[in-house]
PDB file of all heavy atoms in Angstrom:
ATOM      1  N   TYR A   1       0.794  -1.223   0.000  1.00  0.00           N
ATOM      2  CA  TYR A   1       0.000   0.000   0.000  1.00  0.00           C
ATOM      3  C   TYR A   1       0.830   1.279   0.000  1.00  0.00           C
ATOM      4  O   TYR A   1       0.279   2.374  -0.084  1.00  0.00           O
ATOM      5  CB  TYR A   1      -0.910   0.026   1.227  1.00  0.00           C
ATOM      6  CG  TYR A   1      -1.895  -1.116   1.308  1.00  0.00           C
ATOM      7  CD1 TYR A   1      -2.293  -1.623   2.553  1.00  0.00           C
ATOM      8  CD2 TYR A   1      -2.430  -1.700   0.171  1.00  0.00           C
ATOM      9  CE1 TYR A   1      -3.188  -2.668   2.638  1.00  0.00           C
ATOM     10  CE2 TYR A   1      -3.318  -2.750   0.246  1.00  0.00           C
ATOM     11  CZ  TYR A   1      -3.698  -3.223   1.486  1.00  0.00           C
ATOM     12  OH  TYR A   1      -4.595  -4.268   1.577  1.00  0.00           O
ATOM     13  N   TYR A   2       2.153   1.138   0.061  1.00  0.00           N
ATOM     14  CA  TYR A   2       3.008   2.291   0.296  1.00  0.00           C
ATOM     15  C   TYR A   2       3.917   2.609  -0.889  1.00  0.00           C
ATOM     16  O   TYR A   2       4.400   1.708  -1.587  1.00  0.00           O
ATOM     17  CB  TYR A   2       3.890   2.044   1.520  1.00  0.00           C
ATOM     18  CG  TYR A   2       3.156   2.214   2.821  1.00  0.00           C
ATOM     19  CD1 TYR A   2       2.279   1.239   3.281  1.00  0.00           C
ATOM     20  CD2 TYR A   2       3.330   3.361   3.590  1.00  0.00           C
ATOM     21  CE1 TYR A   2       1.589   1.405   4.459  1.00  0.00           C
ATOM     22  CE2 TYR A   2       2.656   3.528   4.785  1.00  0.00           C
ATOM     23  CZ  TYR A   2       1.788   2.546   5.209  1.00  0.00           C
ATOM     24  OH  TYR A   2       1.113   2.713   6.386  1.00  0.00           O
ATOM     25  N   ALA A   3       4.143   3.891  -1.060  1.00  0.00           N
ATOM     26  CA  ALA A   3       5.230   4.349  -1.914  1.00  0.00           C
ATOM     27  C   ALA A   3       6.505   4.357  -1.075  1.00  0.00           C
ATOM     28  O   ALA A   3       6.472   4.700   0.104  1.00  0.00           O
ATOM     29  CB  ALA A   3       4.952   5.745  -2.456  1.00  0.00           C
ATOM     30  N   ILE A   4       7.595   3.989  -1.716  1.00  0.00           N
ATOM     31  CA  ILE A   4       8.890   3.985  -1.038  1.00  0.00           C
ATOM     32  C   ILE A   4       9.846   4.893  -1.800  1.00  0.00           C
ATOM     33  O   ILE A   4       9.941   4.821  -3.034  1.00  0.00           O
ATOM     34  CB  ILE A   4       9.497   2.570  -0.981  1.00  0.00           C
ATOM     35  CG1 ILE A   4       8.537   1.603  -0.267  1.00  0.00           C
ATOM     36  CG2 ILE A   4      10.852   2.612  -0.282  1.00  0.00           C
ATOM     37  CD1 ILE A   4       8.323   1.888   1.197  1.00  0.00           C
ATOM     38  N   ALA A   5      10.511   5.730  -1.047  1.00  0.00           N
ATOM     39  CA  ALA A   5      11.476   6.650  -1.645  1.00  0.00           C
ATOM     40  C   ALA A   5      12.846   6.457  -1.026  1.00  0.00           C
ATOM     41  O   ALA A   5      12.970   6.037   0.132  1.00  0.00           O
ATOM     42  CB  ALA A   5      11.020   8.094  -1.447  1.00  0.00           C
ATOM     43  N   TRP A   6      13.838   6.777  -1.809  1.00  0.00           N
ATOM     44  CA  TRP A   6      15.217   6.854  -1.315  1.00  0.00           C
ATOM     45  C   TRP A   6      15.615   8.330  -1.263  1.00  0.00           C
ATOM     46  O   TRP A   6      15.402   9.071  -2.227  1.00  0.00           O
ATOM     47  CB  TRP A   6      16.174   6.099  -2.228  1.00  0.00           C
ATOM     48  CG  TRP A   6      16.102   4.613  -2.093  1.00  0.00           C
ATOM     49  CD1 TRP A   6      15.375   3.749  -2.860  1.00  0.00           C
ATOM     50  CD2 TRP A   6      16.794   3.796  -1.134  1.00  0.00           C
ATOM     51  NE1 TRP A   6      15.558   2.448  -2.444  1.00  0.00           N
ATOM     52  CE2 TRP A   6      16.433   2.460  -1.386  1.00  0.00           C
ATOM     53  CE3 TRP A   6      17.698   4.061  -0.096  1.00  0.00           C
ATOM     54  CZ2 TRP A   6      16.924   1.395  -0.633  1.00  0.00           C
ATOM     55  CZ3 TRP A   6      18.178   3.005   0.648  1.00  0.00           C
ATOM     56  CH2 TRP A   6      17.794   1.682   0.382  1.00  0.00           C
ATOM     57  N   PHE A   7      16.192   8.712  -0.134  1.00  0.00           N
ATOM     58  CA  PHE A   7      16.763  10.036   0.054  1.00  0.00           C
ATOM     59  C   PHE A   7      18.235   9.860   0.383  1.00  0.00           C
ATOM     60  O   PHE A   7      18.679   8.775   0.771  1.00  0.00           O
ATOM     61  CB  PHE A   7      16.065  10.763   1.213  1.00  0.00           C
ATOM     62  CG  PHE A   7      14.652  11.189   0.912  1.00  0.00           C
ATOM     63  CD1 PHE A   7      13.603  10.286   0.964  1.00  0.00           C
ATOM     64  CD2 PHE A   7      14.368  12.510   0.588  1.00  0.00           C
ATOM     65  CE1 PHE A   7      12.309  10.673   0.687  1.00  0.00           C
ATOM     66  CE2 PHE A   7      13.067  12.908   0.321  1.00  0.00           C
ATOM     67  CZ  PHE A   7      12.045  11.985   0.365  1.00  0.00           C
ATOM     68  N   ARG A   8      18.978  10.927   0.277  1.00  0.00           N
ATOM     69  CA  ARG A   8      20.381  10.880   0.685  1.00  0.00           C
ATOM     70  C   ARG A   8      20.773  12.207   1.309  1.00  0.00           C
ATOM     71  O   ARG A   8      20.180  13.255   1.012  1.00  0.00           O
ATOM     72  CB  ARG A   8      21.291  10.555  -0.498  1.00  0.00           C
ATOM     73  CG  ARG A   8      21.346  11.622  -1.583  1.00  0.00           C
ATOM     74  CD  ARG A   8      22.206  11.137  -2.753  1.00  0.00           C
ATOM     75  NE  ARG A   8      22.308  12.141  -3.805  1.00  0.00           N
ATOM     76  CZ  ARG A   8      22.944  11.949  -4.951  1.00  0.00           C
ATOM     77  NH1 ARG A   8      23.558  10.784  -5.195  1.00  0.00           N
ATOM     78  NH2 ARG A   8      22.986  12.920  -5.857  1.00  0.00           N
ATOM     79  N   GLN A   9      21.758  12.123   2.176  1.00  0.00           N
ATOM     80  CA  GLN A   9      22.250  13.324   2.845  1.00  0.00           C
ATOM     81  C   GLN A   9      23.765  13.277   2.906  1.00  0.00           C
ATOM     82  O   GLN A   9      24.337  12.395   3.548  1.00  0.00           O
ATOM     83  CB  GLN A   9      21.652  13.449   4.246  1.00  0.00           C
ATOM     84  CG  GLN A   9      21.973  14.770   4.907  1.00  0.00           C
ATOM     85  CD  GLN A   9      21.119  15.019   6.135  1.00  0.00           C
ATOM     86  OE1 GLN A   9      20.501  14.105   6.690  1.00  0.00           O
ATOM     87  NE2 GLN A   9      21.053  16.265   6.565  1.00  0.00           N
ATOM     88  N   ALA A  10      24.373  14.231   2.231  1.00  0.00           N
ATOM     89  CA  ALA A  10      25.819  14.368   2.254  1.00  0.00           C
ATOM     90  C   ALA A  10      26.210  15.265   3.431  1.00  0.00           C
ATOM     91  O   ALA A  10      25.395  16.073   3.899  1.00  0.00           O
ATOM     92  CB  ALA A  10      26.303  14.963   0.942  1.00  0.00           C
ATOM     93  N   PRO A  11      27.444  15.159   3.907  1.00  0.00           N
ATOM     94  CA  PRO A  11      27.875  15.983   5.039  1.00  0.00           C
ATOM     95  C   PRO A  11      27.673  17.469   4.757  1.00  0.00           C
ATOM     96  O   PRO A  11      28.071  17.971   3.702  1.00  0.00           O
ATOM     97  CB  PRO A  11      29.355  15.642   5.167  1.00  0.00           C
ATOM     98  CG  PRO A  11      29.481  14.277   4.582  1.00  0.00           C
ATOM     99  CD  PRO A  11      28.482  14.223   3.479  1.00  0.00           C
ATOM    100  N   GLY A  12      27.032  18.146   5.677  1.00  0.00           N
ATOM    101  CA  GLY A  12      26.828  19.573   5.556  1.00  0.00           C
ATOM    102  C   GLY A  12      25.756  19.998   4.588  1.00  0.00           C
ATOM    103  O   GLY A  12      25.595  21.192   4.313  1.00  0.00           O
ATOM    104  N   LYS A  13      25.009  19.039   4.063  1.00  0.00           N
ATOM    105  CA  LYS A  13      23.965  19.361   3.081  1.00  0.00           C
ATOM    106  C   LYS A  13      22.599  18.889   3.554  1.00  0.00           C
ATOM    107  O   LYS A  13      22.487  18.057   4.452  1.00  0.00           O
ATOM    108  CB  LYS A  13      24.295  18.739   1.728  1.00  0.00           C
ATOM    109  CG  LYS A  13      25.544  19.305   1.064  1.00  0.00           C
ATOM    110  CD  LYS A  13      25.693  18.790  -0.348  1.00  0.00           C
ATOM    111  CE  LYS A  13      26.884  19.418  -1.042  1.00  0.00           C
ATOM    112  NZ  LYS A  13      27.010  18.941  -2.445  1.00  0.00           N
ATOM    113  N   GLU A  14      21.573  19.443   2.921  1.00  0.00           N
ATOM    114  CA  GLU A  14      20.209  19.021   3.205  1.00  0.00           C
ATOM    115  C   GLU A  14      19.965  17.620   2.665  1.00  0.00           C
ATOM    116  O   GLU A  14      20.585  17.198   1.676  1.00  0.00           O
ATOM    117  CB  GLU A  14      19.227  19.985   2.540  1.00  0.00           C
ATOM    118  CG  GLU A  14      19.227  21.391   3.108  1.00  0.00           C
ATOM    119  CD  GLU A  14      18.463  21.462   4.416  1.00  0.00           C
ATOM    120  OE1 GLU A  14      17.429  20.774   4.534  1.00  0.00           O
ATOM    121  OE2 GLU A  14      18.924  22.176   5.324  1.00  0.00           O
ATOM    122  N   ARG A  15      19.034  16.933   3.306  1.00  0.00           N
ATOM    123  CA  ARG A  15      18.621  15.636   2.795  1.00  0.00           C
ATOM    124  C   ARG A  15      17.841  15.857   1.507  1.00  0.00           C
ATOM    125  O   ARG A  15      16.950  16.707   1.450  1.00  0.00           O
ATOM    126  CB  ARG A  15      17.761  14.907   3.827  1.00  0.00           C
ATOM    127  CG  ARG A  15      17.512  13.457   3.506  1.00  0.00           C
ATOM    128  CD  ARG A  15      16.834  12.742   4.663  1.00  0.00           C
ATOM    129  NE  ARG A  15      17.661  12.757   5.874  1.00  0.00           N
ATOM    130  CZ  ARG A  15      17.364  12.066   6.973  1.00  0.00           C
ATOM    131  NH1 ARG A  15      16.273  11.288   7.009  1.00  0.00           N
ATOM    132  NH2 ARG A  15      18.140  12.154   8.027  1.00  0.00           N
ATOM    133  N   GLU A  16      18.179  15.097   0.479  1.00  0.00           N
ATOM    134  CA  GLU A  16      17.534  15.293  -0.811  1.00  0.00           C
ATOM    135  C   GLU A  16      16.948  13.981  -1.336  1.00  0.00           C
ATOM    136  O   GLU A  16      17.464  12.896  -1.061  1.00  0.00           O
ATOM    137  CB  GLU A  16      18.531  15.846  -1.847  1.00  0.00           C
ATOM    138  CG  GLU A  16      19.692  14.932  -2.182  1.00  0.00           C
ATOM    139  CD  GLU A  16      20.618  15.509  -3.231  1.00  0.00           C
ATOM    140  OE1 GLU A  16      20.515  16.711  -3.537  1.00  0.00           O
ATOM    141  OE2 GLU A  16      21.457  14.743  -3.752  1.00  0.00           O
ATOM    142  N   GLY A  17      15.877  14.132  -2.080  1.00  0.00           N
ATOM    143  CA  GLY A  17      15.237  12.966  -2.668  1.00  0.00           C
ATOM    144  C   GLY A  17      16.029  12.425  -3.843  1.00  0.00           C
ATOM    145  O   GLY A  17      16.625  13.193  -4.600  1.00  0.00           O
ATOM    146  N   VAL A  18      16.035  11.116  -3.978  1.00  0.00           N
ATOM    147  CA  VAL A  18      16.758  10.468  -5.066  1.00  0.00           C
ATOM    148  C   VAL A  18      15.780   9.810  -6.042  1.00  0.00           C
ATOM    149  O   VAL A  18      15.724  10.166  -7.209  1.00  0.00           O
ATOM    150  CB  VAL A  18      17.748   9.417  -4.518  1.00  0.00           C
ATOM    151  CG1 VAL A  18      18.444   8.685  -5.660  1.00  0.00           C
ATOM    152  CG2 VAL A  18      18.772  10.075  -3.597  1.00  0.00           C
ATOM    153  N   ALA A  19      15.011   8.867  -5.550  1.00  0.00           N
ATOM    154  CA  ALA A  19      14.087   8.133  -6.418  1.00  0.00           C
ATOM    155  C   ALA A  19      12.948   7.601  -5.575  1.00  0.00           C
ATOM    156  O   ALA A  19      13.059   7.494  -4.350  1.00  0.00           O
ATOM    157  CB  ALA A  19      14.794   6.997  -7.137  1.00  0.00           C
ATOM    158  N   CYS A  20      11.872   7.272  -6.254  1.00  0.00           N
ATOM    159  CA  CYS A  20      10.675   6.808  -5.553  1.00  0.00           C
ATOM    160  C   CYS A  20       9.945   5.801  -6.432  1.00  0.00           C
ATOM    161  O   CYS A  20      10.016   5.880  -7.673  1.00  0.00           O
ATOM    162  CB  CYS A  20       9.778   8.008  -5.247  1.00  0.00           C
ATOM    163  SG  CYS A  20       8.198   7.605  -4.490  1.00  0.00           S
ATOM    164  N   ILE A  21       9.229   4.882  -5.787  1.00  0.00           N
ATOM    165  CA  ILE A  21       8.425   3.923  -6.529  1.00  0.00           C
ATOM    166  C   ILE A  21       7.079   3.797  -5.834  1.00  0.00           C
ATOM    167  O   ILE A  21       7.010   3.678  -4.609  1.00  0.00           O
ATOM    168  CB  ILE A  21       9.152   2.564  -6.652  1.00  0.00           C
ATOM    169  CG1 ILE A  21       8.399   1.637  -7.606  1.00  0.00           C
ATOM    170  CG2 ILE A  21       9.399   1.918  -5.295  1.00  0.00           C
ATOM    171  CD1 ILE A  21       9.243   0.448  -8.070  1.00  0.00           C
ATOM    172  N   THR A  22       6.025   3.885  -6.614  1.00  0.00           N
ATOM    173  CA  THR A  22       4.688   3.850  -6.042  1.00  0.00           C
ATOM    174  C   THR A  22       4.237   2.415  -5.786  1.00  0.00           C
ATOM    175  O   THR A  22       4.881   1.453  -6.201  1.00  0.00           O
ATOM    176  CB  THR A  22       3.673   4.512  -6.980  1.00  0.00           C
ATOM    177  OG1 THR A  22       3.517   3.674  -8.146  1.00  0.00           O
ATOM    178  CG2 THR A  22       4.126   5.901  -7.395  1.00  0.00           C
ATOM    179  N   ARG A  23       3.084   2.294  -5.138  1.00  0.00           N
ATOM    180  CA  ARG A  23       2.522   0.966  -4.892  1.00  0.00           C
ATOM    181  C   ARG A  23       2.078   0.311  -6.194  1.00  0.00           C
ATOM    182  O   ARG A  23       1.903  -0.897  -6.244  1.00  0.00           O
ATOM    183  CB  ARG A  23       1.352   1.069  -3.923  1.00  0.00           C
ATOM    184  CG  ARG A  23       0.217   1.964  -4.394  1.00  0.00           C
ATOM    185  CD  ARG A  23      -0.732   2.254  -3.254  1.00  0.00           C
ATOM    186  NE  ARG A  23      -1.848   3.087  -3.660  1.00  0.00           N
ATOM    187  CZ  ARG A  23      -2.562   3.810  -2.825  1.00  0.00           C
ATOM    188  NH1 ARG A  23      -2.271   3.807  -1.539  1.00  0.00           N
ATOM    189  NH2 ARG A  23      -3.577   4.533  -3.264  1.00  0.00           N
ATOM    190  N   SER A  24       1.932   1.118  -7.253  1.00  0.00           N
ATOM    191  CA  SER A  24       1.597   0.582  -8.571  1.00  0.00           C
ATOM    192  C   SER A  24       2.838   0.294  -9.406  1.00  0.00           C
ATOM    193  O   SER A  24       2.732   0.056 -10.613  1.00  0.00           O
ATOM    194  CB  SER A  24       0.704   1.581  -9.320  1.00  0.00           C
ATOM    195  OG  SER A  24      -0.467   1.852  -8.586  1.00  0.00           O
ATOM    196  N   ASP A  25       3.983   0.365  -8.754  1.00  0.00           N
ATOM    197  CA  ASP A  25       5.252   0.033  -9.402  1.00  0.00           C
ATOM    198  C   ASP A  25       5.683   1.072 -10.435  1.00  0.00           C
ATOM    199  O   ASP A  25       6.410   0.734 -11.385  1.00  0.00           O
ATOM    200  CB  ASP A  25       5.187  -1.358 -10.053  1.00  0.00           C
ATOM    201  CG  ASP A  25       6.497  -2.110  -9.957  1.00  0.00           C
ATOM    202  OD1 ASP A  25       7.291  -1.777  -9.050  1.00  0.00           O
ATOM    203  OD2 ASP A  25       6.744  -3.001 -10.785  1.00  0.00           O
ATOM    204  N   VAL A  26       5.227   2.300 -10.265  1.00  0.00           N
ATOM    205  CA  VAL A  26       5.680   3.383 -11.130  1.00  0.00           C
ATOM    206  C   VAL A  26       6.862   4.055 -10.440  1.00  0.00           C
ATOM    207  O   VAL A  26       6.751   4.529  -9.309  1.00  0.00           O
ATOM    208  CB  VAL A  26       4.549   4.403 -11.367  1.00  0.00           C
ATOM    209  CG1 VAL A  26       5.076   5.591 -12.166  1.00  0.00           C
ATOM    210  CG2 VAL A  26       3.376   3.735 -12.083  1.00  0.00           C
ATOM    211  N   SER A  27       7.976   4.117 -11.130  1.00  0.00           N
ATOM    212  CA  SER A  27       9.179   4.703 -10.537  1.00  0.00           C
ATOM    213  C   SER A  27       9.457   6.077 -11.123  1.00  0.00           C
ATOM    214  O   SER A  27       9.097   6.362 -12.270  1.00  0.00           O
ATOM    215  CB  SER A  27      10.384   3.789 -10.754  1.00  0.00           C
ATOM    216  OG  SER A  27      10.634   3.601 -12.131  1.00  0.00           O
ATOM    217  N   THR A  28      10.092   6.899 -10.323  1.00  0.00           N
ATOM    218  CA  THR A  28      10.422   8.242 -10.774  1.00  0.00           C
ATOM    219  C   THR A  28      11.645   8.733 -10.027  1.00  0.00           C
ATOM    220  O   THR A  28      11.938   8.271  -8.924  1.00  0.00           O
ATOM    221  CB  THR A  28       9.235   9.196 -10.546  1.00  0.00           C
ATOM    222  OG1 THR A  28       9.530  10.469 -11.117  1.00  0.00           O
ATOM    223  CG2 THR A  28       8.975   9.403  -9.063  1.00  0.00           C
ATOM    224  N   TYR A  29      12.362   9.638 -10.638  1.00  0.00           N
ATOM    225  CA  TYR A  29      13.455  10.310  -9.949  1.00  0.00           C
ATOM    226  C   TYR A  29      12.861  11.535  -9.249  1.00  0.00           C
ATOM    227  O   TYR A  29      12.003  12.227  -9.793  1.00  0.00           O
ATOM    228  CB  TYR A  29      14.536  10.734 -10.929  1.00  0.00           C
ATOM    229  CG  TYR A  29      15.210   9.569 -11.619  1.00  0.00           C
ATOM    230  CD1 TYR A  29      14.962   9.290 -12.952  1.00  0.00           C
ATOM    231  CD2 TYR A  29      16.090   8.740 -10.918  1.00  0.00           C
ATOM    232  CE1 TYR A  29      15.573   8.219 -13.594  1.00  0.00           C
ATOM    233  CE2 TYR A  29      16.700   7.671 -11.544  1.00  0.00           C
ATOM    234  CZ  TYR A  29      16.440   7.410 -12.875  1.00  0.00           C
ATOM    235  OH  TYR A  29      17.041   6.351 -13.495  1.00  0.00           O
ATOM    236  N   LEU A  30      13.322  11.793  -8.070  1.00  0.00           N
ATOM    237  CA  LEU A  30      12.849  12.968  -7.347  1.00  0.00           C
ATOM    238  C   LEU A  30      13.663  14.185  -7.784  1.00  0.00           C
ATOM    239  O   LEU A  30      14.851  14.058  -8.110  1.00  0.00           O
ATOM    240  CB  LEU A  30      12.940  12.723  -5.848  1.00  0.00           C
ATOM    241  CG  LEU A  30      12.036  11.580  -5.364  1.00  0.00           C
ATOM    242  CD1 LEU A  30      12.203  11.340  -3.876  1.00  0.00           C
ATOM    243  CD2 LEU A  30      10.571  11.882  -5.695  1.00  0.00           C
ATOM    244  N   PRO A  31      13.041  15.345  -7.791  1.00  0.00           N
ATOM    245  CA  PRO A  31      13.637  16.519  -8.449  1.00  0.00           C
ATOM    246  C   PRO A  31      15.016  16.934  -7.929  1.00  0.00           C
ATOM    247  O   PRO A  31      15.850  17.403  -8.697  1.00  0.00           O
ATOM    248  CB  PRO A  31      12.614  17.625  -8.184  1.00  0.00           C
ATOM    249  CG  PRO A  31      11.332  16.908  -7.979  1.00  0.00           C
ATOM    250  CD  PRO A  31      11.700  15.616  -7.316  1.00  0.00           C
ATOM    251  N   ASP A  32      15.230  16.767  -6.612  1.00  0.00           N
ATOM    252  CA  ASP A  32      16.476  17.285  -6.025  1.00  0.00           C
ATOM    253  C   ASP A  32      17.721  16.748  -6.698  1.00  0.00           C
ATOM    254  O   ASP A  32      18.718  17.440  -6.816  1.00  0.00           O
ATOM    255  CB  ASP A  32      16.528  16.942  -4.534  1.00  0.00           C
ATOM    256  CG  ASP A  32      15.508  17.732  -3.735  1.00  0.00           C
ATOM    257  OD1 ASP A  32      15.039  18.772  -4.234  1.00  0.00           O
ATOM    258  OD2 ASP A  32      15.179  17.291  -2.622  1.00  0.00           O
ATOM    259  N   SER A  33      17.685  15.482  -7.107  1.00  0.00           N
ATOM    260  CA  SER A  33      18.907  14.872  -7.638  1.00  0.00           C
ATOM    261  C   SER A  33      18.684  14.206  -8.982  1.00  0.00           C
ATOM    262  O   SER A  33      19.565  13.505  -9.467  1.00  0.00           O
ATOM    263  CB  SER A  33      19.453  13.844  -6.637  1.00  0.00           C
ATOM    264  OG  SER A  33      18.473  12.883  -6.343  1.00  0.00           O
ATOM    265  N   SER A  34      17.547  14.438  -9.598  1.00  0.00           N
ATOM    266  CA  SER A  34      17.222  13.713 -10.835  1.00  0.00           C
ATOM    267  C   SER A  34      18.260  13.929 -11.921  1.00  0.00           C
ATOM    268  O   SER A  34      18.624  13.004 -12.645  1.00  0.00           O
ATOM    269  CB  SER A  34      15.835  14.092 -11.337  1.00  0.00           C
ATOM    270  OG  SER A  34      15.763  15.471 -11.610  1.00  0.00           O
ATOM    271  N   ASP A  35      18.748  15.148 -12.041  1.00  0.00           N
ATOM    272  CA  ASP A  35      19.721  15.417 -13.107  1.00  0.00           C
ATOM    273  C   ASP A  35      21.010  14.641 -12.916  1.00  0.00           C
ATOM    274  O   ASP A  35      21.661  14.244 -13.888  1.00  0.00           O
ATOM    275  CB  ASP A  35      20.033  16.914 -13.170  1.00  0.00           C
ATOM    276  CG  ASP A  35      18.887  17.725 -13.731  1.00  0.00           C
ATOM    277  OD1 ASP A  35      17.972  17.121 -14.330  1.00  0.00           O
ATOM    278  OD2 ASP A  35      18.897  18.957 -13.562  1.00  0.00           O
ATOM    279  N   SER A  36      21.375  14.394 -11.676  1.00  0.00           N
ATOM    280  CA  SER A  36      22.661  13.743 -11.428  1.00  0.00           C
ATOM    281  C   SER A  36      22.567  12.229 -11.402  1.00  0.00           C
ATOM    282  O   SER A  36      23.569  11.553 -11.641  1.00  0.00           O
ATOM    283  CB  SER A  36      23.265  14.257 -10.126  1.00  0.00           C
ATOM    284  OG  SER A  36      22.462  13.893  -9.036  1.00  0.00           O
ATOM    285  N   VAL A  37      21.384  11.676 -11.121  1.00  0.00           N
ATOM    286  CA  VAL A  37      21.305  10.219 -10.995  1.00  0.00           C
ATOM    287  C   VAL A  37      20.567   9.547 -12.140  1.00  0.00           C
ATOM    288  O   VAL A  37      20.643   8.319 -12.288  1.00  0.00           O
ATOM    289  CB  VAL A  37      20.647   9.808  -9.657  1.00  0.00           C
ATOM    290  CG1 VAL A  37      21.372  10.451  -8.483  1.00  0.00           C
ATOM    291  CG2 VAL A  37      19.165  10.144  -9.628  1.00  0.00           C
ATOM    292  N   ARG A  38      19.859  10.322 -12.926  1.00  0.00           N
ATOM    293  CA  ARG A  38      19.094   9.742 -14.037  1.00  0.00           C
ATOM    294  C   ARG A  38      19.999   8.927 -14.944  1.00  0.00           C
ATOM    295  O   ARG A  38      21.059   9.382 -15.350  1.00  0.00           O
ATOM    296  CB  ARG A  38      18.402  10.848 -14.835  1.00  0.00           C
ATOM    297  CG  ARG A  38      17.421  10.329 -15.896  1.00  0.00           C
ATOM    298  CD  ARG A  38      16.843  11.505 -16.686  1.00  0.00           C
ATOM    299  NE  ARG A  38      16.216  12.487 -15.820  1.00  0.00           N
ATOM    300  CZ  ARG A  38      14.973  12.400 -15.356  1.00  0.00           C
ATOM    301  NH1 ARG A  38      14.218  11.374 -15.705  1.00  0.00           N
ATOM    302  NH2 ARG A  38      14.490  13.344 -14.573  1.00  0.00           N
ATOM    303  N   GLY A  39      19.559   7.725 -15.245  1.00  0.00           N
ATOM    304  CA  GLY A  39      20.342   6.849 -16.113  1.00  0.00           C
ATOM    305  C   GLY A  39      21.385   6.042 -15.380  1.00  0.00           C
ATOM    306  O   GLY A  39      21.942   5.087 -15.946  1.00  0.00           O
ATOM    307  N   ARG A  40      21.653   6.392 -14.118  1.00  0.00           N
ATOM    308  CA  ARG A  40      22.644   5.632 -13.341  1.00  0.00           C
ATOM    309  C   ARG A  40      21.993   4.836 -12.203  1.00  0.00           C
ATOM    310  O   ARG A  40      22.476   3.760 -11.854  1.00  0.00           O
ATOM    311  CB  ARG A  40      23.696   6.575 -12.758  1.00  0.00           C
ATOM    312  CG  ARG A  40      24.482   7.348 -13.796  1.00  0.00           C
ATOM    313  CD  ARG A  40      25.652   8.110 -13.154  1.00  0.00           C
ATOM    314  NE  ARG A  40      25.208   9.111 -12.192  1.00  0.00           N
ATOM    315  CZ  ARG A  40      25.569   9.144 -10.911  1.00  0.00           C
ATOM    316  NH1 ARG A  40      26.360   8.208 -10.422  1.00  0.00           N
ATOM    317  NH2 ARG A  40      25.131  10.102 -10.103  1.00  0.00           N
ATOM    318  N   PHE A  41      20.940   5.369 -11.638  1.00  0.00           N
ATOM    319  CA  PHE A  41      20.269   4.735 -10.497  1.00  0.00           C
ATOM    320  C   PHE A  41      18.924   4.174 -10.952  1.00  0.00           C
ATOM    321  O   PHE A  41      18.223   4.798 -11.752  1.00  0.00           O
ATOM    322  CB  PHE A  41      20.022   5.737  -9.383  1.00  0.00           C
ATOM    323  CG  PHE A  41      21.245   6.212  -8.659  1.00  0.00           C
ATOM    324  CD1 PHE A  41      22.527   5.959  -9.119  1.00  0.00           C
ATOM    325  CD2 PHE A  41      21.104   6.933  -7.468  1.00  0.00           C
ATOM    326  CE1 PHE A  41      23.644   6.396  -8.434  1.00  0.00           C
ATOM    327  CE2 PHE A  41      22.217   7.378  -6.772  1.00  0.00           C
ATOM    328  CZ  PHE A  41      23.487   7.115  -7.269  1.00  0.00           C
ATOM    329  N   THR A  42      18.568   3.028 -10.391  1.00  0.00           N
ATOM    330  CA  THR A  42      17.278   2.407 -10.692  1.00  0.00           C
ATOM    331  C   THR A  42      16.648   1.903  -9.404  1.00  0.00           C
ATOM    332  O   THR A  42      17.292   1.197  -8.628  1.00  0.00           O
ATOM    333  CB  THR A  42      17.445   1.227 -11.661  1.00  0.00           C
ATOM    334  OG1 THR A  42      18.086   1.674 -12.854  1.00  0.00           O
ATOM    335  CG2 THR A  42      16.095   0.624 -12.023  1.00  0.00           C
ATOM    336  N   ILE A  43      15.406   2.281  -9.200  1.00  0.00           N
ATOM    337  CA  ILE A  43      14.674   1.814  -8.028  1.00  0.00           C
ATOM    338  C   ILE A  43      13.729   0.693  -8.443  1.00  0.00           C
ATOM    339  O   ILE A  43      13.152   0.723  -9.539  1.00  0.00           O
ATOM    340  CB  ILE A  43      13.900   2.979  -7.361  1.00  0.00           C
ATOM    341  CG1 ILE A  43      13.300   2.547  -6.027  1.00  0.00           C
ATOM    342  CG2 ILE A  43      12.850   3.549  -8.300  1.00  0.00           C
ATOM    343  CD1 ILE A  43      12.713   3.705  -5.214  1.00  0.00           C
ATOM    344  N   SER A  44      13.583  -0.288  -7.572  1.00  0.00           N
ATOM    345  CA  SER A  44      12.666  -1.392  -7.843  1.00  0.00           C
ATOM    346  C   SER A  44      12.139  -1.917  -6.516  1.00  0.00           C
ATOM    347  O   SER A  44      12.677  -1.594  -5.459  1.00  0.00           O
ATOM    348  CB  SER A  44      13.358  -2.509  -8.636  1.00  0.00           C
ATOM    349  OG  SER A  44      14.434  -3.047  -7.903  1.00  0.00           O
ATOM    350  N   ARG A  45      11.085  -2.724  -6.594  1.00  0.00           N
ATOM    351  CA  ARG A  45      10.514  -3.278  -5.378  1.00  0.00           C
ATOM    352  C   ARG A  45      10.107  -4.721  -5.597  1.00  0.00           C
ATOM    353  O   ARG A  45       9.759  -5.120  -6.719  1.00  0.00           O
ATOM    354  CB  ARG A  45       9.315  -2.446  -4.911  1.00  0.00           C
ATOM    355  CG  ARG A  45       8.124  -2.454  -5.845  1.00  0.00           C
ATOM    356  CD  ARG A  45       7.104  -1.375  -5.443  1.00  0.00           C
ATOM    357  NE  ARG A  45       6.460  -1.685  -4.178  1.00  0.00           N
ATOM    358  CZ  ARG A  45       5.885  -0.762  -3.382  1.00  0.00           C
ATOM    359  NH1 ARG A  45       5.877   0.505  -3.737  1.00  0.00           N
ATOM    360  NH2 ARG A  45       5.317  -1.127  -2.262  1.00  0.00           N
TER     361      ARG A  45
END
Protein backbone atom coordinates (compact mmCIF):
# COMPACT_ATOMS: atom_id res chain seq x y z
CA TYR A 1 0.00 0.00 0.00
CA TYR A 2 3.01 2.29 0.30
CA ALA A 3 5.23 4.35 -1.91
CA ILE A 4 8.89 3.99 -1.04
CA ALA A 5 11.48 6.65 -1.64
CA TRP A 6 15.22 6.85 -1.32
CA PHE A 7 16.76 10.04 0.05
CA ARG A 8 20.38 10.88 0.69
CA GLN A 9 22.25 13.32 2.85
CA ALA A 10 25.82 14.37 2.25
CA PRO A 11 27.87 15.98 5.04
CA GLY A 12 26.83 19.57 5.56
CA LYS A 13 23.97 19.36 3.08
CA GLU A 14 20.21 19.02 3.21
CA ARG A 15 18.62 15.64 2.79
CA GLU A 16 17.53 15.29 -0.81
CA GLY A 17 15.24 12.97 -2.67
CA VAL A 18 16.76 10.47 -5.07
CA ALA A 19 14.09 8.13 -6.42
CA CYS A 20 10.67 6.81 -5.55
CA ILE A 21 8.42 3.92 -6.53
CA THR A 22 4.69 3.85 -6.04
CA ARG A 23 2.52 0.97 -4.89
CA SER A 24 1.60 0.58 -8.57
CA ASP A 25 5.25 0.03 -9.40
CA VAL A 26 5.68 3.38 -11.13
CA SER A 27 9.18 4.70 -10.54
CA THR A 28 10.42 8.24 -10.77
CA TYR A 29 13.45 10.31 -9.95
CA LEU A 30 12.85 12.97 -7.35
CA PRO A 31 13.64 16.52 -8.45
CA ASP A 32 16.48 17.28 -6.02
CA SER A 33 18.91 14.87 -7.64
CA SER A 34 17.22 13.71 -10.83
CA ASP A 35 19.72 15.42 -13.11
CA SER A 36 22.66 13.74 -11.43
CA VAL A 37 21.31 10.22 -11.00
CA ARG A 38 19.09 9.74 -14.04
CA GLY A 39 20.34 6.85 -16.11
CA ARG A 40 22.64 5.63 -13.34
CA PHE A 41 20.27 4.74 -10.50
CA THR A 42 17.28 2.41 -10.69
CA ILE A 43 14.67 1.81 -8.03
CA SER A 44 12.67 -1.39 -7.84
CA ARG A 45 10.51 -3.28 -5.38
